[in-house]
């Protein structure tokens, strides 16, 4: 009798779970992570710009954003005015379907406490993104020369920077 009850329970449970849809991530959501660097570099913000295929700035019309700190990844905060990243931040973007070009920049008057000579606006490469063939995570990090000095540029890539160490965070 116990075997028959267990068999019936197993059949019912398998039929219930067989109807669940497969787990997939949302292709219109992307995470943009800026790993921590030195403490002074972490304070320098970079601002996101999103352009559509025609080159129009759609940063605030095609996306909604929130952020979390890498140290507390489950505590989201909605952006109030502009989409920016500081060292250790994770941006969560929810995009409309389409193709976009991402870039980040830091105006020369917003680079305190770092000074790069001669002063210039820091800009990044342009990253092409398609919601039909999405990446899940992008990394944003400052460019540095062979001696480890920051050059006043940003890099956006789907690969983690060479200096980045993958560790499993302690979650409470």
N, C-alpha and C. Protein backbone atom coordinates (compact mmCIF):
# COMPACT_ATOMS: atom_id res chain seq x y z
N UNK A 1 0.81 -1.20 0.00
CA UNK A 1 0.00 0.00 0.00
C UNK A 1 0.86 1.26 0.00
N UNK A 2 1.96 1.24 0.80
CA UNK A 2 2.85 2.39 0.85
C UNK A 2 3.50 2.63 -0.50
N UNK A 3 3.86 1.55 -1.18
CA UNK A 3 4.49 1.69 -2.50
C UNK A 3 3.50 2.29 -3.50
N UNK A 4 2.25 1.85 -3.44
CA UNK A 4 1.24 2.39 -4.35
C UNK A 4 1.00 3.87 -4.08
N UNK A 5 0.94 4.28 -2.81
CA UNK A 5 0.74 5.68 -2.45
C UNK A 5 1.92 6.52 -2.92
N UNK A 6 3.13 6.01 -2.72
CA UNK A 6 4.33 6.73 -3.17
C UNK A 6 4.34 6.87 -4.69
N UNK A 7 3.94 5.83 -5.41
CA UNK A 7 3.90 5.87 -6.87
C UNK A 7 2.87 6.89 -7.36
N UNK A 8 1.70 6.91 -6.75
CA UNK A 8 0.67 7.89 -7.14
C UNK A 8 1.16 9.31 -6.85
N UNK A 9 1.77 9.52 -5.70
CA UNK A 9 2.31 10.84 -5.36
C UNK A 9 3.39 11.26 -6.36
N UNK A 10 4.26 10.35 -6.72
CA UNK A 10 5.33 10.65 -7.68
C UNK A 10 4.74 11.01 -9.05
N UNK A 11 3.73 10.29 -9.50
CA UNK A 11 3.10 10.59 -10.79
C UNK A 11 2.41 11.95 -10.76
N UNK A 12 1.70 12.25 -9.68
CA UNK A 12 1.04 13.55 -9.57
C UNK A 12 2.06 14.69 -9.53
N UNK A 13 3.10 14.51 -8.75
CA UNK A 13 4.13 15.55 -8.65
C UNK A 13 4.83 15.77 -9.98
N UNK A 14 5.13 14.70 -10.70
CA UNK A 14 5.82 14.87 -11.99
C UNK A 14 4.91 15.52 -13.02
N UNK A 15 3.60 15.26 -12.96
CA UNK A 15 2.70 15.88 -13.94
C UNK A 15 2.54 17.37 -13.64
N UNK A 16 2.57 17.76 -12.37
CA UNK A 16 2.46 19.17 -12.01
C UNK A 16 3.69 19.93 -12.48
N UNK A 17 4.89 19.37 -12.22
CA UNK A 17 6.12 20.06 -12.57
C UNK A 17 6.43 20.00 -14.06
N UNK A 18 5.85 19.04 -14.78
CA UNK A 18 6.12 18.97 -16.22
C UNK A 18 5.43 20.11 -16.97
N UNK A 19 4.42 20.74 -16.37
CA UNK A 19 3.71 21.83 -17.02
C UNK A 19 4.35 23.19 -16.77
N UNK A 20 5.36 23.27 -15.91
CA UNK A 20 6.01 24.54 -15.65
C UNK A 20 6.87 24.94 -16.84
N UNK A 21 6.86 26.22 -17.19
CA UNK A 21 7.69 26.66 -18.31
C UNK A 21 9.17 26.63 -17.91
N UNK A 22 10.06 26.48 -18.88
CA UNK A 22 11.49 26.49 -18.55
C UNK A 22 11.91 27.86 -18.04
N UNK A 23 12.88 27.86 -17.15
CA UNK A 23 13.37 29.11 -16.57
C UNK A 23 14.27 29.81 -17.59
N UNK A 24 13.97 31.08 -17.88
CA UNK A 24 14.77 31.87 -18.80
C UNK A 24 14.95 33.26 -18.21
N UNK A 25 16.04 33.91 -18.57
CA UNK A 25 16.21 35.28 -18.13
C UNK A 25 15.51 36.20 -19.10
N UNK A 26 15.20 37.38 -18.63
CA UNK A 26 14.51 38.37 -19.44
C UNK A 26 15.50 38.98 -20.43
N UNK A 27 15.30 38.82 -21.74
CA UNK A 27 16.28 39.35 -22.71
C UNK A 27 16.29 40.87 -22.78
N UNK A 28 15.31 41.52 -22.18
CA UNK A 28 15.27 42.98 -22.19
C UNK A 28 15.84 43.57 -20.90
N UNK A 29 16.39 42.70 -20.06
CA UNK A 29 17.05 43.17 -18.84
C UNK A 29 18.55 42.91 -18.99
N UNK A 30 19.34 43.90 -18.62
CA UNK A 30 20.79 43.74 -18.66
C UNK A 30 21.38 44.32 -17.38
N UNK A 31 22.42 43.68 -16.92
CA UNK A 31 23.16 44.17 -15.76
C UNK A 31 24.46 44.79 -16.26
N UNK A 32 24.76 45.97 -15.77
CA UNK A 32 26.03 46.62 -16.11
C UNK A 32 26.77 46.80 -14.80
N UNK A 33 27.91 46.13 -14.69
CA UNK A 33 28.65 46.09 -13.44
C UNK A 33 29.96 46.85 -13.56
N UNK A 34 30.20 47.72 -12.60
CA UNK A 34 31.48 48.43 -12.52
C UNK A 34 32.22 47.92 -11.29
N UNK A 35 33.20 47.05 -11.47
CA UNK A 35 33.94 46.52 -10.32
C UNK A 35 34.67 47.63 -9.57
N UNK A 36 34.99 47.34 -8.33
CA UNK A 36 35.72 48.29 -7.51
C UNK A 36 37.17 48.39 -7.98
N UNK A 37 37.72 49.57 -7.84
CA UNK A 37 39.13 49.84 -8.13
C UNK A 37 39.74 50.44 -6.87
N UNK A 38 40.66 51.37 -7.02
CA UNK A 38 41.19 52.08 -5.85
C UNK A 38 40.08 52.97 -5.28
N UNK A 39 40.22 53.37 -4.03
CA UNK A 39 39.16 54.14 -3.39
C UNK A 39 38.90 55.46 -4.11
N UNK A 40 39.96 56.14 -4.58
CA UNK A 40 39.74 57.40 -5.28
C UNK A 40 39.08 57.16 -6.64
N UNK A 41 39.42 56.07 -7.32
CA UNK A 41 38.79 55.77 -8.61
C UNK A 41 37.33 55.38 -8.43
N UNK A 42 37.01 54.71 -7.33
CA UNK A 42 35.62 54.31 -7.07
C UNK A 42 34.70 55.51 -6.96
N UNK A 43 35.22 56.65 -6.52
CA UNK A 43 34.40 57.85 -6.35
C UNK A 43 34.09 58.55 -7.67
N UNK A 44 34.85 58.27 -8.71
CA UNK A 44 34.64 58.91 -10.01
C UNK A 44 33.47 58.21 -10.70
N UNK A 45 32.42 58.95 -10.96
CA UNK A 45 31.24 58.39 -11.62
C UNK A 45 31.40 58.42 -13.14
N UNK A 46 30.74 57.46 -13.78
CA UNK A 46 30.59 57.53 -15.24
C UNK A 46 29.10 57.45 -15.54
N UNK A 47 28.67 58.21 -16.55
CA UNK A 47 27.26 58.29 -16.89
C UNK A 47 26.98 57.54 -18.18
N UNK A 48 25.89 56.79 -18.18
CA UNK A 48 25.50 55.96 -19.32
C UNK A 48 24.75 56.79 -20.36
N UNK A 49 25.03 56.48 -21.61
CA UNK A 49 24.28 57.04 -22.73
C UNK A 49 23.84 55.88 -23.62
N UNK A 50 22.57 55.87 -24.00
CA UNK A 50 22.03 54.83 -24.88
C UNK A 50 21.52 55.51 -26.13
N UNK A 51 21.95 55.01 -27.28
CA UNK A 51 21.48 55.54 -28.57
C UNK A 51 20.78 54.43 -29.34
N UNK A 52 19.76 54.82 -30.12
CA UNK A 52 19.10 53.85 -30.99
C UNK A 52 19.87 53.73 -32.30
N UNK A 53 19.32 52.97 -33.25
CA UNK A 53 20.02 52.73 -34.53
C UNK A 53 20.19 54.00 -35.36
N UNK A 54 19.36 55.01 -35.14
CA UNK A 54 19.47 56.26 -35.88
C UNK A 54 20.40 57.25 -35.19
N UNK A 55 20.97 56.88 -34.05
CA UNK A 55 21.88 57.78 -33.33
C UNK A 55 21.20 58.72 -32.37
N UNK A 56 19.90 58.54 -32.13
CA UNK A 56 19.17 59.39 -31.19
C UNK A 56 19.45 58.96 -29.76
N UNK A 57 19.56 59.91 -28.85
CA UNK A 57 19.76 59.61 -27.44
C UNK A 57 18.42 59.13 -26.86
N UNK A 58 18.37 57.85 -26.47
CA UNK A 58 17.15 57.26 -25.92
C UNK A 58 17.39 56.74 -24.50
N UNK A 59 18.37 57.33 -23.83
CA UNK A 59 18.76 56.86 -22.50
C UNK A 59 17.57 56.77 -21.55
N UNK A 60 16.72 57.78 -21.55
CA UNK A 60 15.62 57.82 -20.58
C UNK A 60 14.27 57.47 -21.19
N UNK A 61 14.22 57.24 -22.50
CA UNK A 61 12.95 56.86 -23.12
C UNK A 61 12.88 55.37 -23.45
N UNK A 62 14.02 54.72 -23.65
CA UNK A 62 14.03 53.30 -24.01
C UNK A 62 14.40 52.39 -22.84
N UNK A 63 14.74 52.98 -21.70
CA UNK A 63 15.21 52.16 -20.58
C UNK A 63 14.71 52.71 -19.25
N UNK A 64 14.49 51.81 -18.33
CA UNK A 64 14.23 52.15 -16.94
C UNK A 64 15.34 51.49 -16.15
N UNK A 65 15.86 52.19 -15.13
CA UNK A 65 17.00 51.66 -14.43
C UNK A 65 16.90 51.72 -12.92
N UNK A 66 17.59 50.79 -12.29
CA UNK A 66 17.79 50.79 -10.85
C UNK A 66 19.22 50.32 -10.61
N UNK A 67 19.67 50.44 -9.37
CA UNK A 67 21.02 49.99 -9.08
C UNK A 67 21.08 49.31 -7.72
N UNK A 68 22.16 48.57 -7.54
CA UNK A 68 22.47 47.94 -6.26
C UNK A 68 23.98 47.98 -6.10
N UNK A 69 24.42 47.87 -4.87
CA UNK A 69 25.86 47.79 -4.62
C UNK A 69 26.24 46.32 -4.63
N UNK A 70 27.44 46.01 -5.09
CA UNK A 70 27.89 44.62 -5.14
C UNK A 70 27.90 43.99 -3.75
N UNK A 71 28.10 44.80 -2.72
CA UNK A 71 28.12 44.28 -1.36
C UNK A 71 26.71 43.94 -0.85
N UNK A 72 25.67 44.54 -1.43
CA UNK A 72 24.28 44.27 -1.06
C UNK A 72 23.45 44.11 -2.33
N UNK A 73 23.65 43.04 -3.09
CA UNK A 73 23.04 42.93 -4.43
C UNK A 73 21.53 42.80 -4.46
N UNK A 74 20.89 42.51 -3.34
CA UNK A 74 19.43 42.36 -3.34
C UNK A 74 18.69 43.62 -2.93
N UNK A 75 19.43 44.69 -2.62
CA UNK A 75 18.81 45.96 -2.22
C UNK A 75 18.86 46.94 -3.39
N UNK A 76 17.75 47.03 -4.12
CA UNK A 76 17.67 47.88 -5.30
C UNK A 76 17.22 49.29 -4.94
N UNK A 77 17.76 50.26 -5.68
CA UNK A 77 17.35 51.65 -5.55
C UNK A 77 17.09 52.18 -6.95
N UNK A 78 15.96 52.83 -7.15
CA UNK A 78 15.65 53.41 -8.46
C UNK A 78 16.49 54.67 -8.68
N UNK A 79 16.96 54.85 -9.90
CA UNK A 79 17.66 56.08 -10.23
C UNK A 79 16.66 57.23 -10.21
N UNK A 80 17.09 58.39 -9.72
CA UNK A 80 16.22 59.55 -9.64
C UNK A 80 16.35 60.46 -10.86
N UNK A 81 17.58 60.75 -11.29
CA UNK A 81 17.77 61.70 -12.39
C UNK A 81 18.58 61.13 -13.54
N UNK A 82 19.74 60.58 -13.25
CA UNK A 82 20.62 60.13 -14.33
C UNK A 82 21.16 58.74 -14.01
N UNK A 83 21.51 58.01 -15.07
CA UNK A 83 22.04 56.66 -14.93
C UNK A 83 23.56 56.74 -14.85
N UNK A 84 24.10 56.47 -13.68
CA UNK A 84 25.54 56.57 -13.47
C UNK A 84 26.04 55.31 -12.75
N UNK A 85 27.33 55.12 -12.77
CA UNK A 85 27.98 54.04 -12.04
C UNK A 85 29.18 54.57 -11.28
N UNK A 86 29.31 54.15 -10.05
CA UNK A 86 30.52 54.35 -9.25
C UNK A 86 31.12 52.97 -9.04
N UNK A 87 32.35 52.93 -8.53
CA UNK A 87 32.98 51.63 -8.29
C UNK A 87 32.18 50.77 -7.33
N UNK A 88 31.89 49.54 -7.72
CA UNK A 88 31.13 48.62 -6.88
C UNK A 88 29.63 48.63 -7.11
N UNK A 89 29.16 49.34 -8.14
CA UNK A 89 27.72 49.42 -8.42
C UNK A 89 27.33 48.46 -9.54
N UNK A 90 26.10 47.98 -9.45
CA UNK A 90 25.50 47.15 -10.49
C UNK A 90 24.24 47.86 -10.97
N UNK A 91 24.21 48.21 -12.24
CA UNK A 91 23.04 48.86 -12.84
C UNK A 91 22.15 47.78 -13.45
N UNK A 92 20.86 47.87 -13.16
CA UNK A 92 19.87 46.97 -13.75
C UNK A 92 19.06 47.80 -14.74
N UNK A 93 19.16 47.48 -16.02
CA UNK A 93 18.42 48.21 -17.05
C UNK A 93 17.34 47.32 -17.64
N UNK A 94 16.18 47.88 -17.81
CA UNK A 94 15.06 47.20 -18.45
C UNK A 94 14.78 47.96 -19.74
N UNK A 95 15.09 47.32 -20.86
CA UNK A 95 15.05 47.98 -22.16
C UNK A 95 13.81 47.60 -22.95
N UNK A 96 13.42 48.51 -23.84
CA UNK A 96 12.43 48.16 -24.85
C UNK A 96 13.15 47.32 -25.90
N UNK A 97 12.39 46.50 -26.61
CA UNK A 97 12.97 45.66 -27.65
C UNK A 97 13.65 46.52 -28.72
N UNK A 98 14.85 46.11 -29.15
CA UNK A 98 15.53 46.85 -30.20
C UNK A 98 17.04 46.69 -30.15
N UNK A 99 17.71 47.49 -30.98
CA UNK A 99 19.17 47.53 -31.04
C UNK A 99 19.63 48.86 -30.51
N UNK A 100 20.66 48.81 -29.67
CA UNK A 100 21.14 50.02 -29.01
C UNK A 100 22.67 50.08 -29.03
N UNK A 101 23.17 51.26 -28.82
CA UNK A 101 24.60 51.48 -28.63
C UNK A 101 24.78 52.09 -27.26
N UNK A 102 25.59 51.43 -26.43
CA UNK A 102 25.88 51.91 -25.08
C UNK A 102 27.24 52.60 -25.07
N UNK A 103 27.35 53.67 -24.31
CA UNK A 103 28.64 54.30 -24.04
C UNK A 103 28.54 54.95 -22.66
N UNK A 104 29.70 55.19 -22.06
CA UNK A 104 29.74 55.91 -20.78
C UNK A 104 30.77 57.02 -20.90
N UNK A 105 30.59 58.05 -20.07
CA UNK A 105 31.54 59.16 -20.08
C UNK A 105 31.56 59.83 -18.72
N UNK A 106 32.64 60.54 -18.48
CA UNK A 106 32.79 61.36 -17.28
C UNK A 106 33.33 62.71 -17.73
N UNK A 107 32.56 63.79 -17.56
CA UNK A 107 33.06 65.12 -17.92
C UNK A 107 34.28 65.48 -17.07
N UNK A 108 35.16 66.30 -17.63
CA UNK A 108 36.40 66.63 -16.92
C UNK A 108 36.16 67.35 -15.60
N UNK A 109 35.04 68.04 -15.46
CA UNK A 109 34.77 68.71 -14.18
C UNK A 109 34.16 67.78 -13.13
N UNK A 110 33.94 66.50 -13.48
CA UNK A 110 33.36 65.53 -12.54
C UNK A 110 34.34 64.42 -12.16
N UNK A 111 35.63 64.66 -12.33
CA UNK A 111 36.61 63.61 -12.10
C UNK A 111 37.30 63.69 -10.75
N UNK A 112 36.79 64.53 -9.87
CA UNK A 112 37.38 64.62 -8.54
C UNK A 112 37.24 63.28 -7.85
N UNK A 113 38.21 62.76 -7.15
CA UNK A 113 39.47 63.32 -6.70
C UNK A 113 40.66 63.02 -7.62
N UNK A 114 40.43 62.39 -8.77
CA UNK A 114 41.55 62.07 -9.66
C UNK A 114 41.85 63.22 -10.60
N UNK A 115 43.08 63.31 -11.00
CA UNK A 115 43.49 64.32 -11.99
C UNK A 115 44.30 63.61 -13.07
N UNK A 116 43.84 63.72 -14.29
CA UNK A 116 44.58 63.20 -15.44
C UNK A 116 45.06 64.41 -16.23
N UNK A 117 46.32 64.44 -16.56
CA UNK A 117 46.87 65.57 -17.33
C UNK A 117 47.12 65.16 -18.76
N UNK A 118 46.73 65.95 -19.72
CA UNK A 118 45.93 67.16 -19.59
C UNK A 118 44.47 66.79 -19.31
N UNK A 119 43.72 67.65 -18.62
CA UNK A 119 42.31 67.35 -18.31
C UNK A 119 41.51 67.15 -19.60
N UNK A 120 40.69 66.12 -19.61
CA UNK A 120 39.85 65.82 -20.76
C UNK A 120 38.63 65.06 -20.29
N UNK A 121 37.60 65.03 -21.11
CA UNK A 121 36.44 64.20 -20.82
C UNK A 121 36.84 62.75 -21.02
N UNK A 122 36.43 61.89 -20.08
CA UNK A 122 36.69 60.46 -20.23
C UNK A 122 35.53 59.86 -21.02
N UNK A 123 35.84 59.15 -22.06
CA UNK A 123 34.80 58.50 -22.86
C UNK A 123 35.13 57.01 -22.97
N UNK A 124 34.18 56.27 -23.47
CA UNK A 124 34.36 54.82 -23.61
C UNK A 124 34.24 54.43 -25.08
N UNK A 125 34.48 53.15 -25.31
CA UNK A 125 34.14 52.56 -26.60
C UNK A 125 32.62 52.51 -26.71
N UNK A 126 32.13 52.24 -27.88
CA UNK A 126 30.68 52.11 -28.11
C UNK A 126 30.36 50.63 -28.20
N UNK A 127 29.43 50.17 -27.37
CA UNK A 127 29.08 48.75 -27.32
C UNK A 127 27.72 48.56 -27.98
N UNK A 128 27.69 47.75 -29.03
CA UNK A 128 26.44 47.46 -29.74
C UNK A 128 25.68 46.36 -29.00
N UNK A 129 24.40 46.60 -28.73
CA UNK A 129 23.58 45.66 -27.97
C UNK A 129 22.26 45.43 -28.69
N UNK A 130 21.87 44.17 -28.79
CA UNK A 130 20.63 43.78 -29.47
C UNK A 130 19.82 42.92 -28.52
N UNK A 131 18.58 43.29 -28.24
CA UNK A 131 17.76 42.51 -27.33
C UNK A 131 17.38 41.15 -27.93
N UNK A 132 17.55 40.97 -29.23
CA UNK A 132 17.28 39.68 -29.86
C UNK A 132 18.45 38.70 -29.65
N UNK A 133 19.63 39.22 -29.35
CA UNK A 133 20.81 38.40 -29.11
C UNK A 133 21.54 39.00 -27.91
N UNK A 134 20.93 38.90 -26.74
CA UNK A 134 21.41 39.69 -25.61
C UNK A 134 22.59 39.09 -24.86
N UNK A 135 23.36 39.97 -24.28
CA UNK A 135 24.34 39.60 -23.26
C UNK A 135 23.63 39.79 -21.93
N UNK A 136 23.99 39.05 -20.93
CA UNK A 136 23.33 39.19 -19.63
C UNK A 136 24.02 40.24 -18.77
N UNK A 137 25.35 40.30 -18.84
CA UNK A 137 26.11 41.23 -18.01
C UNK A 137 27.15 41.95 -18.86
N UNK A 138 27.27 43.25 -18.66
CA UNK A 138 28.36 44.02 -19.25
C UNK A 138 29.22 44.56 -18.11
N UNK A 139 30.49 44.74 -18.39
CA UNK A 139 31.42 45.30 -17.41
C UNK A 139 31.87 46.67 -17.89
N UNK A 140 31.97 47.62 -16.98
CA UNK A 140 32.51 48.95 -17.25
C UNK A 140 33.68 49.14 -16.29
N UNK A 141 34.83 49.50 -16.85
CA UNK A 141 36.00 49.72 -15.99
C UNK A 141 36.94 50.72 -16.64
N UNK A 142 37.78 51.37 -15.82
CA UNK A 142 38.68 52.39 -16.36
C UNK A 142 39.86 51.74 -17.09
N UNK A 143 40.30 52.39 -18.16
CA UNK A 143 41.47 51.90 -18.90
C UNK A 143 42.72 52.33 -18.15
N UNK A 144 43.74 51.49 -18.22
CA UNK A 144 45.03 51.80 -17.59
C UNK A 144 46.14 51.40 -18.55
N UNK A 145 47.28 52.06 -18.40
CA UNK A 145 48.42 51.72 -19.26
C UNK A 145 49.18 50.53 -18.65
N UNK A 146 50.29 50.15 -19.27
CA UNK A 146 51.06 49.00 -18.80
C UNK A 146 51.62 49.18 -17.40
N UNK A 147 51.77 50.42 -16.96
CA UNK A 147 52.28 50.69 -15.62
C UNK A 147 51.18 50.75 -14.57
N UNK A 148 49.92 50.58 -14.99
CA UNK A 148 48.81 50.59 -14.05
C UNK A 148 48.22 51.96 -13.79
N UNK A 149 48.64 52.98 -14.53
CA UNK A 149 48.09 54.32 -14.34
C UNK A 149 46.86 54.49 -15.23
N UNK A 150 45.83 55.11 -14.68
CA UNK A 150 44.60 55.34 -15.43
C UNK A 150 44.87 56.32 -16.57
N UNK A 151 44.29 56.02 -17.74
CA UNK A 151 44.53 56.84 -18.93
C UNK A 151 43.41 57.83 -19.22
N UNK A 152 42.34 57.80 -18.45
CA UNK A 152 41.24 58.74 -18.67
C UNK A 152 40.28 58.25 -19.74
N UNK A 153 40.03 56.95 -19.76
CA UNK A 153 39.07 56.35 -20.69
C UNK A 153 38.33 55.24 -19.95
N UNK A 154 37.18 54.88 -20.49
CA UNK A 154 36.39 53.78 -19.95
C UNK A 154 36.32 52.66 -20.98
N UNK A 155 36.14 51.44 -20.51
CA UNK A 155 35.98 50.28 -21.39
C UNK A 155 34.66 49.61 -21.03
N UNK A 156 33.85 49.32 -22.05
CA UNK A 156 32.63 48.53 -21.87
C UNK A 156 32.87 47.22 -22.61
N UNK A 157 32.64 46.10 -21.92
CA UNK A 157 32.90 44.80 -22.54
C UNK A 157 31.97 43.76 -21.93
N UNK A 158 31.72 42.70 -22.67
CA UNK A 158 30.93 41.60 -22.15
C UNK A 158 31.81 40.64 -21.34
N UNK A 159 33.12 40.83 -21.39
CA UNK A 159 34.06 40.01 -20.61
C UNK A 159 34.52 40.79 -19.39
N UNK A 160 34.79 40.07 -18.32
CA UNK A 160 35.30 40.71 -17.11
C UNK A 160 36.71 41.22 -17.37
N UNK A 161 37.10 42.31 -16.72
CA UNK A 161 38.47 42.81 -16.89
C UNK A 161 39.49 41.80 -16.39
N UNK A 162 40.71 41.89 -16.89
CA UNK A 162 41.76 40.93 -16.53
C UNK A 162 42.05 40.95 -15.04
N UNK A 163 41.91 42.11 -14.39
CA UNK A 163 42.22 42.20 -12.97
C UNK A 163 41.11 41.64 -12.09
N UNK A 164 39.95 41.34 -12.67
CA UNK A 164 38.78 40.95 -11.89
C UNK A 164 38.93 39.52 -11.39
N UNK A 165 38.65 39.31 -10.10
CA UNK A 165 38.69 37.98 -9.51
C UNK A 165 37.26 37.56 -9.20
N UNK A 166 36.86 36.40 -9.68
CA UNK A 166 35.53 35.89 -9.39
C UNK A 166 35.54 35.22 -8.03
N UNK A 167 34.69 35.67 -7.17
CA UNK A 167 34.54 35.04 -5.85
C UNK A 167 33.05 34.90 -5.57
N UNK A 168 32.74 33.97 -4.74
CA UNK A 168 31.35 33.79 -4.35
C UNK A 168 31.08 34.66 -3.14
N UNK A 169 30.15 35.62 -3.24
CA UNK A 169 29.90 36.51 -2.09
C UNK A 169 29.20 35.76 -0.95
N UNK A 170 29.44 36.22 0.24
CA UNK A 170 28.79 35.68 1.41
C UNK A 170 27.43 36.34 1.53
N UNK A 171 26.38 35.56 1.40
CA UNK A 171 25.02 36.08 1.46
C UNK A 171 24.41 35.73 2.80
N UNK A 172 23.73 36.70 3.41
CA UNK A 172 23.07 36.45 4.70
C UNK A 172 21.58 36.45 4.52
